Protein backbone atom coordinates (compact mmCIF):
# COMPACT_ATOMS: atom_id res chain seq x y z
CA UNK A 1 163.83 111.01 57.27
CA UNK A 2 167.10 112.91 57.74
CA UNK A 3 170.27 110.90 57.13
CA UNK A 4 173.81 111.47 58.36
CA UNK A 5 176.36 109.84 56.03
CA UNK A 6 179.81 108.94 57.36
CA UNK A 7 182.52 108.05 54.84
CA UNK A 8 185.42 106.48 56.74
CA UNK A 9 188.78 106.63 54.99
CA UNK A 10 192.42 106.13 55.85
CA UNK A 11 193.18 109.87 55.51
CA UNK A 12 189.89 111.55 56.46
CA UNK A 13 186.48 110.79 57.92
CA UNK A 14 183.94 112.84 55.95
CA UNK A 15 180.31 113.51 56.86
CA UNK A 16 177.26 115.08 55.24
CA UNK A 17 173.64 115.28 56.37
CA UNK A 18 170.35 115.62 54.54
CA UNK A 19 169.77 119.26 53.58
CA UNK A 20 173.40 120.31 54.03
CA UNK A 21 175.50 121.64 51.14
CA UNK A 22 179.05 121.30 52.46
CA UNK A 23 180.71 118.22 53.90
CA UNK A 24 182.65 118.32 57.14
CA UNK A 25 185.76 116.26 57.77
CA UNK A 26 188.24 115.20 60.41
CA UNK A 27 191.66 113.63 60.08
CA UNK A 28 191.98 109.86 60.17
CA UNK A 29 195.07 107.78 60.97
CA UNK A 30 196.29 104.22 61.58
CA UNK A 31 195.51 104.76 65.29
CA UNK A 32 191.93 106.00 64.92
CA UNK A 33 189.64 103.70 66.93
CA UNK A 34 185.93 103.21 66.32
CA UNK A 35 185.02 105.07 69.53
CA UNK A 36 187.28 107.97 68.59
CA UNK A 37 185.56 108.12 65.21
CA UNK A 38 182.12 108.20 66.82
CA UNK A 39 183.15 110.86 69.32
CA UNK A 40 184.71 112.99 66.58
CA UNK A 41 181.70 112.63 64.27
CA UNK A 42 179.21 113.57 66.98
CA UNK A 43 181.20 116.74 67.67
CA UNK A 44 181.64 117.43 63.95
CA UNK A 45 177.92 117.06 63.26
CA UNK A 46 176.89 119.48 66.01
CA UNK A 47 173.96 121.61 64.83
CA UNK A 48 172.84 119.08 62.22
CA UNK A 49 169.62 117.14 62.68
CA UNK A 50 169.48 113.50 61.63
CA UNK A 51 167.30 110.46 62.36
CA UNK A 52 169.48 107.67 60.97
CA UNK A 53 173.11 107.11 59.96
CA UNK A 54 174.87 105.45 57.01
CA UNK A 55 178.52 104.40 57.38
CA UNK A 56 180.89 103.49 54.55
CA UNK A 57 183.47 101.20 56.16
CA UNK A 58 186.89 100.41 54.63
CA UNK A 59 186.57 96.64 54.82
CA UNK A 60 184.12 93.74 54.41
CA UNK A 61 180.72 94.15 56.05
CA UNK A 62 178.24 91.34 56.67
CA UNK A 63 174.77 91.82 58.16
CA UNK A 64 175.45 95.46 58.94
CA UNK A 65 178.67 94.79 60.88
CA UNK A 66 182.40 94.81 60.03
CA UNK A 67 183.88 91.36 59.56
CA UNK A 68 187.48 92.37 60.33
CA UNK A 69 189.33 95.25 61.91
CA UNK A 70 190.43 97.72 59.18
CA UNK A 71 193.94 97.53 57.75
CA UNK A 72 194.61 101.27 57.89
CA UNK A 73 192.86 102.33 61.11
CA UNK A 74 192.93 101.54 64.83
CA UNK A 75 191.00 98.90 66.77
CA UNK A 76 187.53 98.33 68.16
CA UNK A 77 185.51 98.49 64.93
CA UNK A 78 184.14 94.93 64.97
CA UNK A 79 182.60 94.87 68.45
CA UNK A 80 181.20 98.41 68.76
CA UNK A 81 177.41 98.83 69.03
CA UNK A 82 177.05 101.62 66.47
CA UNK A 83 173.32 102.20 67.07
CA UNK A 84 173.96 102.81 70.75
CA UNK A 85 177.14 104.82 70.20
CA UNK A 86 175.51 107.17 67.68
CA UNK A 87 172.12 107.21 69.35
CA UNK A 88 170.06 106.20 66.29
CA UNK A 89 169.66 103.37 63.75
CA UNK A 90 172.78 102.75 61.65
CA UNK A 91 173.28 101.04 58.30
CA UNK A 92 176.85 100.03 57.44
CA UNK A 93 178.23 98.87 54.09
CA UNK A 94 181.66 98.62 52.56
CA UNK A 95 182.88 102.07 51.47
CA UNK A 96 183.23 100.97 47.83
CA UNK A 97 179.66 99.65 47.93
CA UNK A 98 178.38 102.97 49.22
CA UNK A 99 180.17 104.91 46.48
CA UNK A 100 178.95 102.37 43.91
CA UNK A 101 175.35 102.82 45.02
CA UNK A 102 175.70 106.58 44.54
CA UNK A 103 177.10 106.01 41.03
CA UNK A 104 174.44 103.57 39.86
CA UNK A 105 172.27 104.35 36.82
CA UNK A 106 170.67 100.94 36.19
CA UNK A 107 171.38 97.53 34.68
CA UNK A 108 174.49 95.60 35.73
CA UNK A 109 177.24 97.91 36.96
CA UNK A 110 180.75 97.01 38.08
CA UNK A 111 182.40 99.51 40.40
CA UNK A 112 186.15 99.47 41.05
CA UNK A 113 187.59 101.85 43.62
CA UNK A 114 191.23 102.76 43.03
CA UNK A 115 192.35 103.99 46.42
CA UNK A 116 194.58 102.67 49.18
CA UNK A 117 193.51 99.21 48.01
CA UNK A 118 191.01 98.03 45.42
CA UNK A 119 187.33 98.36 46.29
CA UNK A 120 184.88 96.32 44.26
CA UNK A 121 181.10 96.12 44.02
CA UNK A 122 178.58 94.75 41.56
CA UNK A 123 175.02 96.09 41.31
CA UNK A 124 172.56 94.01 39.31
CA UNK A 125 169.12 95.48 38.63
CA UNK A 126 169.31 97.50 41.82
CA UNK A 127 170.63 94.67 44.02
CA UNK A 128 173.89 95.59 45.76
CA UNK A 129 176.54 92.84 45.77
CA UNK A 130 179.67 93.95 47.68
CA UNK A 131 182.76 91.95 46.70
CA UNK A 132 186.29 91.48 47.98
CA UNK A 133 188.39 91.09 44.83
CA UNK A 134 191.41 93.02 46.11
CA UNK A 135 193.24 90.03 47.55
CA UNK A 136 192.66 87.57 44.72
CA UNK A 137 195.91 86.30 43.12
CA UNK A 138 197.28 88.40 40.27
CA UNK A 139 200.71 88.02 38.66
CA UNK A 140 203.16 87.56 41.59
CA UNK A 141 200.89 88.98 44.29
CA UNK A 142 197.27 90.25 44.34
CA UNK A 143 195.14 92.76 42.43
CA UNK A 144 195.57 95.25 45.26
CA UNK A 145 199.38 95.01 45.18
CA UNK A 146 199.40 96.16 41.55
CA UNK A 147 196.52 98.64 41.24
CA UNK A 148 196.26 99.95 44.82
CA UNK A 149 198.41 102.72 46.26
CA UNK A 150 201.29 100.33 46.89
CA UNK A 151 201.37 99.48 43.21
CA UNK A 152 201.25 103.13 42.18
CA UNK A 153 204.14 103.98 44.52
CA UNK A 154 206.19 100.95 43.56
CA UNK A 155 205.76 100.87 39.78
CA UNK A 156 205.11 104.52 38.94
CA UNK A 157 202.18 105.96 37.00
CA UNK A 158 203.04 104.53 33.58
CA UNK A 159 203.23 100.88 34.66
CA UNK A 160 200.41 101.32 37.17
CA UNK A 161 198.09 102.52 34.39
CA UNK A 162 198.91 99.43 32.33
CA UNK A 163 198.12 97.19 35.30
CA UNK A 164 194.83 99.02 35.89
CA UNK A 165 193.85 98.54 32.25
CA UNK A 166 194.72 94.84 32.41
CA UNK A 167 192.84 94.25 35.67
CA UNK A 168 189.77 96.11 34.38
CA UNK A 169 189.83 94.07 31.17
CA UNK A 170 189.96 90.79 33.14
CA UNK A 171 187.13 91.75 35.49
CA UNK A 172 184.93 93.05 32.66
CA UNK A 173 185.41 89.74 30.85
CA UNK A 174 184.47 87.86 34.02
CA UNK A 175 181.37 89.85 35.04
CA UNK A 176 180.16 91.17 31.65
CA UNK A 177 178.71 94.41 33.07
CA UNK A 178 176.66 96.97 31.15
CA UNK A 179 178.49 99.81 32.89
CA UNK A 180 181.90 100.14 34.57
CA UNK A 181 182.67 102.94 37.02
CA UNK A 182 186.20 103.69 38.22
CA UNK A 183 186.17 105.58 41.51
CA UNK A 184 188.52 106.18 44.41
CA UNK A 185 191.10 108.91 44.83
CA UNK A 186 193.68 107.39 42.47
CA UNK A 187 191.31 107.19 39.49
CA UNK A 188 192.35 110.79 38.81
CA UNK A 189 195.84 109.48 37.95
CA UNK A 190 194.55 107.75 34.83
CA UNK A 191 195.53 109.64 31.69
CA UNK A 192 192.80 107.80 29.73
CA UNK A 193 189.98 105.62 30.93
CA UNK A 194 190.01 101.97 29.85
CA UNK A 195 187.38 101.04 27.23
CA UNK A 196 183.72 101.01 28.40
CA UNK A 197 184.55 102.82 31.64
CA UNK A 198 183.37 106.08 33.14
CA UNK A 199 184.88 108.07 35.97
CA UNK A 200 183.19 108.08 39.35
CA UNK A 201 183.47 110.61 42.13
CA UNK A 202 184.20 110.34 45.84
CA UNK A 203 181.21 112.64 46.36
CA UNK A 204 179.01 109.77 45.16
CA UNK A 205 179.66 108.07 48.48
CA UNK A 206 177.31 110.59 50.10
CA UNK A 207 174.64 109.95 47.46
CA UNK A 208 175.00 106.24 48.13
CA UNK A 209 174.63 106.78 51.87
CA UNK A 210 171.37 108.64 51.33
CA UNK A 211 170.17 105.96 48.91
CA UNK A 212 170.76 103.24 51.51
CA UNK A 213 167.83 104.53 53.53
CA UNK A 214 165.78 105.48 50.49
CA UNK A 215 166.07 101.90 49.21
CA UNK A 216 165.16 100.52 52.63
CA UNK A 217 162.03 102.68 52.73
CA UNK A 218 161.00 101.48 49.27
CA UNK A 219 161.51 97.83 50.24
CA UNK A 220 159.40 98.29 53.38
CA UNK A 221 156.65 99.93 51.33
CA UNK A 222 156.67 97.04 48.84
CA UNK A 223 156.51 94.46 51.66
CA UNK A 224 153.67 96.31 53.36
CA UNK A 225 151.78 96.57 50.07
CA UNK A 226 152.26 92.87 49.38
CA UNK A 227 151.16 91.97 52.91
CA UNK A 228 148.10 94.20 52.59
CA UNK A 229 147.17 92.80 49.18
CA UNK A 230 147.53 89.19 50.36
CA UNK A 231 145.30 89.68 53.40
CA UNK A 232 141.73 88.34 53.01
CA UNK A 233 139.28 91.06 52.07
CA UNK A 234 135.67 91.38 52.98
CA UNK A 235 133.41 91.95 49.98
CA UNK A 236 132.49 95.60 49.63
CA UNK A 237 129.10 96.82 48.52
CA UNK A 238 130.01 96.50 44.84
CA UNK A 239 132.33 93.48 45.09
CA UNK A 240 131.16 90.20 43.57
CA UNK A 241 132.59 87.02 45.03
CA UNK A 242 132.55 83.74 43.18
CA UNK A 243 132.87 80.24 44.51
CA UNK A 244 134.64 77.82 42.18
CA UNK A 245 133.71 74.15 42.32
CA UNK A 246 134.70 71.04 40.49
């Protein structure tokens, strides 16, 4: 199965397909609509072969669809039929969840994406749990207002780093993860990582997009195996059947 991964961001839309070495990208903007994204991606991916698509979306996703229109893009993202528009099956998750999946090494991992806002995802024993922590109350506003891009611009790097450390400490205490990954473009502005943290990479979003379909294939195989094993079997030539009474 060949996968096309689409990482939708406020500055760029980046794509990579199975077997390709170099990503391709197009500019994004606050006016970029969903149909414009699809049209641009189809042109950008010309010459690449793919059977399915993974999309990392900058907002909450439920049952493979966006819940709200994105804050930093244009309109039309909620109602678009992505399978029809892209001409193949599509899996969509929150962009932080996709990058988290690509960063995962096992156990309970907390992923925090320091970008335009604050992306957040928990993975527990391989189960992906996208979260929306960015808009929870913090100090006089929300987490996002202090550790997102607005906070970095408003408070400067020194104060922003202190807020990041404080927010990470609070969330680690709440979720008690085995592993903490700090991703997103602004993670590079940290002079030192908070305790128990490791640095992620935006490139992990592509790995997560590929894993989305790999995980789905494994789940289907497990279900098929369970279904097959639960079906009644006829005794073979060397099979002994016993009838229990009493």
